[in-house]
Amino acid sequence: MFLRALLVLSLSLSATLAVASPKVLKKVPPEFPAEAARKNVNAGSVRAKLTIANDGKVAEVEIVEAEPKRVFDRAAIEALKEWRFEPAGDKQTHEVKLVFRNEE
């Protein structure tokens, strides 16, 4: 009985994970922080979890992973809060990875 319940639970979890990614309508690229350039940091990345409101606006940004830590977080958050997604009717979460490179 327990195994059967576990199987049903795992099948329902996999079905919810198969939801399509929200469609991005507007992307705003982050600015490379001047402070990073002054510190000779020329590249990095930030992985962020977005909470998308039912109207398609980004309601919240949570930094999940950053390399180097805390160098690009603010630039990523500011840019991601300007992104817009196709309204889905329900609140959603979505993860994105931004890669920073100083091309100057």
N, C-alpha and C. Protein backbone atom coordinates (compact mmCIF):
# COMPACT_ATOMS: atom_id res chain seq x y z
N MET A 1 0.83 -1.20 0.00
CA MET A 1 0.00 0.00 0.00
C MET A 1 0.87 1.26 0.00
N PHE A 2 1.90 1.29 0.87
CA PHE A 2 2.78 2.46 0.94
C PHE A 2 3.50 2.69 -0.37
N LEU A 3 4.01 1.61 -1.00
CA LEU A 3 4.71 1.75 -2.27
C LEU A 3 3.79 2.29 -3.36
N ARG A 4 2.56 1.86 -3.35
CA ARG A 4 1.60 2.33 -4.34
C ARG A 4 1.36 3.84 -4.18
N ALA A 5 1.21 4.30 -2.94
CA ALA A 5 1.01 5.73 -2.67
C ALA A 5 2.24 6.52 -3.09
N LEU A 6 3.42 5.95 -2.85
CA LEU A 6 4.65 6.62 -3.24
C LEU A 6 4.75 6.75 -4.75
N LEU A 7 4.35 5.70 -5.47
CA LEU A 7 4.37 5.73 -6.93
C LEU A 7 3.42 6.80 -7.47
N VAL A 8 2.23 6.88 -6.90
CA VAL A 8 1.26 7.89 -7.33
C VAL A 8 1.81 9.28 -7.06
N LEU A 9 2.43 9.47 -5.91
CA LEU A 9 3.01 10.77 -5.57
C LEU A 9 4.11 11.14 -6.56
N SER A 10 4.99 10.21 -6.88
CA SER A 10 6.08 10.52 -7.80
C SER A 10 5.55 10.81 -9.20
N LEU A 11 4.50 10.13 -9.63
CA LEU A 11 3.92 10.40 -10.94
C LEU A 11 3.28 11.78 -10.99
N SER A 12 2.60 12.17 -9.90
CA SER A 12 1.98 13.49 -9.90
C SER A 12 3.03 14.59 -9.83
N LEU A 13 4.16 14.35 -9.14
CA LEU A 13 5.23 15.34 -9.11
C LEU A 13 5.87 15.51 -10.48
N SER A 14 6.09 14.42 -11.18
CA SER A 14 6.69 14.53 -12.51
C SER A 14 5.75 15.23 -13.48
N ALA A 15 4.45 15.06 -13.30
CA ALA A 15 3.50 15.74 -14.17
C ALA A 15 3.53 17.24 -13.93
N THR A 16 3.69 17.67 -12.67
CA THR A 16 3.73 19.10 -12.40
C THR A 16 5.05 19.71 -12.84
N LEU A 17 6.12 18.93 -12.88
CA LEU A 17 7.41 19.46 -13.30
C LEU A 17 7.49 19.63 -14.82
N ALA A 18 6.56 19.03 -15.55
CA ALA A 18 6.58 19.09 -17.01
C ALA A 18 5.93 20.36 -17.55
N VAL A 19 5.55 21.28 -16.69
CA VAL A 19 4.91 22.53 -17.12
C VAL A 19 5.90 23.34 -17.95
N ALA A 20 5.40 23.92 -19.03
CA ALA A 20 6.26 24.69 -19.94
C ALA A 20 6.77 25.95 -19.24
N SER A 21 7.95 26.39 -19.66
CA SER A 21 8.52 27.62 -19.14
C SER A 21 7.68 28.81 -19.59
N PRO A 22 7.59 29.83 -18.74
CA PRO A 22 6.84 31.02 -19.15
C PRO A 22 7.52 31.72 -20.32
N LYS A 23 6.71 32.30 -21.19
CA LYS A 23 7.23 32.99 -22.37
C LYS A 23 7.69 34.40 -22.00
N VAL A 24 8.95 34.70 -22.29
CA VAL A 24 9.51 36.02 -22.00
C VAL A 24 9.07 36.99 -23.09
N LEU A 25 8.48 38.11 -22.68
CA LEU A 25 8.08 39.16 -23.61
C LEU A 25 9.09 40.29 -23.67
N LYS A 26 9.78 40.53 -22.55
CA LYS A 26 10.75 41.63 -22.48
C LYS A 26 11.92 41.20 -21.62
N LYS A 27 13.12 41.24 -22.20
CA LYS A 27 14.35 40.96 -21.45
C LYS A 27 15.16 42.24 -21.34
N VAL A 28 15.64 42.53 -20.16
CA VAL A 28 16.51 43.67 -19.95
C VAL A 28 17.87 43.12 -19.55
N PRO A 29 18.90 43.37 -20.36
CA PRO A 29 20.22 42.85 -20.00
C PRO A 29 20.80 43.60 -18.81
N PRO A 30 21.47 42.90 -17.92
CA PRO A 30 22.07 43.58 -16.76
C PRO A 30 23.30 44.38 -17.18
N GLU A 31 23.55 45.44 -16.44
CA GLU A 31 24.75 46.23 -16.67
C GLU A 31 25.91 45.59 -15.92
N PHE A 32 27.10 45.65 -16.50
CA PHE A 32 28.28 45.13 -15.82
C PHE A 32 28.65 46.14 -14.74
N PRO A 33 28.71 45.73 -13.49
CA PRO A 33 28.99 46.68 -12.40
C PRO A 33 30.39 47.30 -12.50
N ALA A 34 30.44 48.61 -12.39
CA ALA A 34 31.73 49.32 -12.43
C ALA A 34 32.63 48.85 -11.29
N GLU A 35 32.05 48.55 -10.16
CA GLU A 35 32.84 48.09 -9.01
C GLU A 35 33.55 46.77 -9.32
N ALA A 36 32.89 45.89 -10.06
CA ALA A 36 33.51 44.61 -10.44
C ALA A 36 34.71 44.87 -11.35
N ALA A 37 34.55 45.78 -12.29
CA ALA A 37 35.65 46.11 -13.20
C ALA A 37 36.83 46.71 -12.43
N ARG A 38 36.53 47.57 -11.45
CA ARG A 38 37.60 48.17 -10.65
C ARG A 38 38.36 47.12 -9.85
N LYS A 39 37.66 46.04 -9.48
CA LYS A 39 38.28 44.95 -8.72
C LYS A 39 38.89 43.89 -9.64
N ASN A 40 38.96 44.20 -10.95
CA ASN A 40 39.49 43.27 -11.95
C ASN A 40 38.73 41.96 -12.04
N VAL A 41 37.44 42.00 -11.75
CA VAL A 41 36.56 40.84 -11.95
C VAL A 41 35.94 41.04 -13.33
N ASN A 42 36.29 40.18 -14.27
CA ASN A 42 35.86 40.36 -15.65
C ASN A 42 34.75 39.44 -16.10
N ALA A 43 34.37 38.48 -15.27
CA ALA A 43 33.30 37.55 -15.65
C ALA A 43 32.69 36.93 -14.41
N GLY A 44 31.47 36.43 -14.59
CA GLY A 44 30.78 35.74 -13.51
C GLY A 44 29.40 35.33 -13.96
N SER A 45 28.65 34.74 -13.05
CA SER A 45 27.29 34.33 -13.38
C SER A 45 26.42 34.37 -12.14
N VAL A 46 25.13 34.49 -12.39
CA VAL A 46 24.13 34.50 -11.32
C VAL A 46 22.97 33.62 -11.76
N ARG A 47 22.56 32.71 -10.89
CA ARG A 47 21.35 31.92 -11.12
C ARG A 47 20.31 32.45 -10.16
N ALA A 48 19.15 32.82 -10.69
CA ALA A 48 18.11 33.45 -9.87
C ALA A 48 16.77 32.77 -10.07
N LYS A 49 16.00 32.76 -8.99
CA LYS A 49 14.63 32.24 -9.03
C LYS A 49 13.69 33.43 -9.06
N LEU A 50 12.84 33.49 -10.07
CA LEU A 50 11.90 34.59 -10.24
C LEU A 50 10.52 34.15 -9.79
N THR A 51 9.84 35.01 -9.09
CA THR A 51 8.42 34.82 -8.83
C THR A 51 7.70 35.76 -9.78
N ILE A 52 6.88 35.18 -10.64
CA ILE A 52 6.19 35.94 -11.68
C ILE A 52 4.72 36.07 -11.28
N ALA A 53 4.25 37.30 -11.18
CA ALA A 53 2.86 37.57 -10.80
C ALA A 53 1.94 37.16 -11.94
N ASN A 54 0.64 37.08 -11.65
CA ASN A 54 -0.31 36.64 -12.67
C ASN A 54 -0.42 37.60 -13.86
N ASP A 55 0.08 38.83 -13.71
CA ASP A 55 0.06 39.79 -14.83
C ASP A 55 1.33 39.73 -15.67
N GLY A 56 2.28 38.85 -15.31
CA GLY A 56 3.50 38.68 -16.08
C GLY A 56 4.68 39.50 -15.58
N LYS A 57 4.48 40.33 -14.57
CA LYS A 57 5.57 41.12 -13.99
C LYS A 57 6.34 40.28 -12.98
N VAL A 58 7.63 40.56 -12.86
CA VAL A 58 8.45 39.87 -11.88
C VAL A 58 8.20 40.50 -10.52
N ALA A 59 7.68 39.71 -9.60
CA ALA A 59 7.33 40.21 -8.28
C ALA A 59 8.49 40.09 -7.29
N GLU A 60 9.32 39.06 -7.49
CA GLU A 60 10.41 38.80 -6.55
C GLU A 60 11.56 38.11 -7.26
N VAL A 61 12.77 38.43 -6.85
CA VAL A 61 13.97 37.79 -7.39
C VAL A 61 14.79 37.28 -6.21
N GLU A 62 15.12 36.00 -6.25
CA GLU A 62 15.95 35.39 -5.21
C GLU A 62 17.21 34.83 -5.87
N ILE A 63 18.37 35.25 -5.39
CA ILE A 63 19.63 34.73 -5.92
C ILE A 63 19.83 33.33 -5.35
N VAL A 64 19.97 32.36 -6.24
CA VAL A 64 20.13 30.97 -5.83
C VAL A 64 21.61 30.61 -5.77
N GLU A 65 22.36 31.13 -6.75
CA GLU A 65 23.79 30.81 -6.83
C GLU A 65 24.48 31.96 -7.57
N ALA A 66 25.68 32.30 -7.14
CA ALA A 66 26.42 33.37 -7.80
C ALA A 66 27.91 33.07 -7.74
N GLU A 67 28.59 33.36 -8.84
CA GLU A 67 30.04 33.16 -8.90
C GLU A 67 30.67 34.34 -9.60
N PRO A 68 31.46 35.13 -8.98
CA PRO A 68 31.78 35.15 -7.55
C PRO A 68 30.58 35.67 -6.74
N LYS A 69 30.55 35.32 -5.49
CA LYS A 69 29.44 35.67 -4.62
C LYS A 69 29.33 37.18 -4.43
N ARG A 70 28.11 37.67 -4.46
CA ARG A 70 27.71 39.05 -4.16
C ARG A 70 28.34 40.13 -5.05
N VAL A 71 28.94 39.76 -6.16
CA VAL A 71 29.53 40.77 -7.05
C VAL A 71 28.50 41.26 -8.06
N PHE A 72 27.70 40.35 -8.61
CA PHE A 72 26.76 40.69 -9.67
C PHE A 72 25.30 40.64 -9.22
N ASP A 73 25.06 40.34 -7.95
CA ASP A 73 23.69 40.16 -7.46
C ASP A 73 22.80 41.37 -7.72
N ARG A 74 23.24 42.55 -7.32
CA ARG A 74 22.42 43.75 -7.45
C ARG A 74 22.09 44.05 -8.92
N ALA A 75 23.07 43.93 -9.80
CA ALA A 75 22.84 44.17 -11.23
C ALA A 75 21.84 43.16 -11.79
N ALA A 76 21.95 41.92 -11.37
CA ALA A 76 21.03 40.88 -11.84
C ALA A 76 19.61 41.16 -11.36
N ILE A 77 19.47 41.49 -10.08
CA ILE A 77 18.13 41.75 -9.52
C ILE A 77 17.48 42.94 -10.21
N GLU A 78 18.23 44.02 -10.39
CA GLU A 78 17.68 45.22 -11.05
C GLU A 78 17.21 44.91 -12.46
N ALA A 79 17.99 44.16 -13.22
CA ALA A 79 17.61 43.82 -14.59
C ALA A 79 16.41 42.88 -14.61
N LEU A 80 16.44 41.85 -13.79
CA LEU A 80 15.38 40.84 -13.80
C LEU A 80 14.03 41.41 -13.36
N LYS A 81 14.03 42.41 -12.50
CA LYS A 81 12.77 43.03 -12.08
C LYS A 81 12.10 43.79 -13.23
N GLU A 82 12.87 44.07 -14.28
CA GLU A 82 12.32 44.75 -15.46
C GLU A 82 11.80 43.77 -16.53
N TRP A 83 12.11 42.49 -16.37
CA TRP A 83 11.64 41.50 -17.33
C TRP A 83 10.12 41.39 -17.25
N ARG A 84 9.51 41.02 -18.38
CA ARG A 84 8.07 40.79 -18.44
C ARG A 84 7.82 39.46 -19.14
N PHE A 85 6.82 38.74 -18.63
CA PHE A 85 6.44 37.45 -19.18
C PHE A 85 5.00 37.49 -19.65
N GLU A 86 4.66 36.55 -20.51
CA GLU A 86 3.28 36.44 -20.95
C GLU A 86 2.42 36.09 -19.73
N PRO A 87 1.35 36.86 -19.48
CA PRO A 87 0.51 36.57 -18.32
C PRO A 87 -0.04 35.14 -18.38
N ALA A 88 0.02 34.46 -17.24
CA ALA A 88 -0.43 33.06 -17.19
C ALA A 88 -1.69 32.89 -16.36
N GLY A 89 -2.12 33.94 -15.68
CA GLY A 89 -3.29 33.84 -14.84
C GLY A 89 -3.00 33.40 -13.42
N ASP A 90 -1.90 32.70 -13.22
CA ASP A 90 -1.49 32.26 -11.89
C ASP A 90 -0.06 32.68 -11.64
N LYS A 91 0.29 32.82 -10.37
CA LYS A 91 1.67 33.11 -9.99
C LYS A 91 2.54 31.91 -10.37
N GLN A 92 3.74 32.18 -10.86
CA GLN A 92 4.66 31.12 -11.28
C GLN A 92 6.05 31.40 -10.73
N THR A 93 6.89 30.38 -10.74
CA THR A 93 8.31 30.58 -10.46
C THR A 93 9.08 30.05 -11.65
N HIS A 94 10.24 30.65 -11.87
CA HIS A 94 11.07 30.30 -13.01
C HIS A 94 12.52 30.63 -12.66
N GLU A 95 13.45 29.77 -13.05
CA GLU A 95 14.87 30.04 -12.80
C GLU A 95 15.55 30.46 -14.09
N VAL A 96 16.45 31.42 -13.95
CA VAL A 96 17.26 31.87 -15.09
C VAL A 96 18.71 31.99 -14.64
N LYS A 97 19.60 31.91 -15.61
CA LYS A 97 21.03 32.12 -15.34
C LYS A 97 21.50 33.27 -16.21
N LEU A 98 22.12 34.24 -15.59
CA LEU A 98 22.71 35.37 -16.31
C LEU A 98 24.21 35.24 -16.25
N VAL A 99 24.86 35.44 -17.40
CA VAL A 99 26.32 35.37 -17.47
C VAL A 99 26.83 36.78 -17.73
N PHE A 100 27.80 37.19 -16.93
CA PHE A 100 28.39 38.52 -17.03
C PHE A 100 29.78 38.40 -17.63
N ARG A 101 30.09 39.27 -18.61
CA ARG A 101 31.43 39.36 -19.18
C ARG A 101 31.73 40.81 -19.45
N ASN A 102 32.90 41.26 -19.02
CA ASN A 102 33.32 42.62 -19.30
C ASN A 102 34.04 42.59 -20.63
N GLU A 103 33.43 43.17 -21.64
CA GLU A 103 33.98 43.12 -23.01
C GLU A 103 34.87 44.33 -23.32
N GLU A 104 35.08 45.19 -22.35
CA GLU A 104 35.89 46.40 -22.62
C GLU A 104 37.37 46.13 -22.49
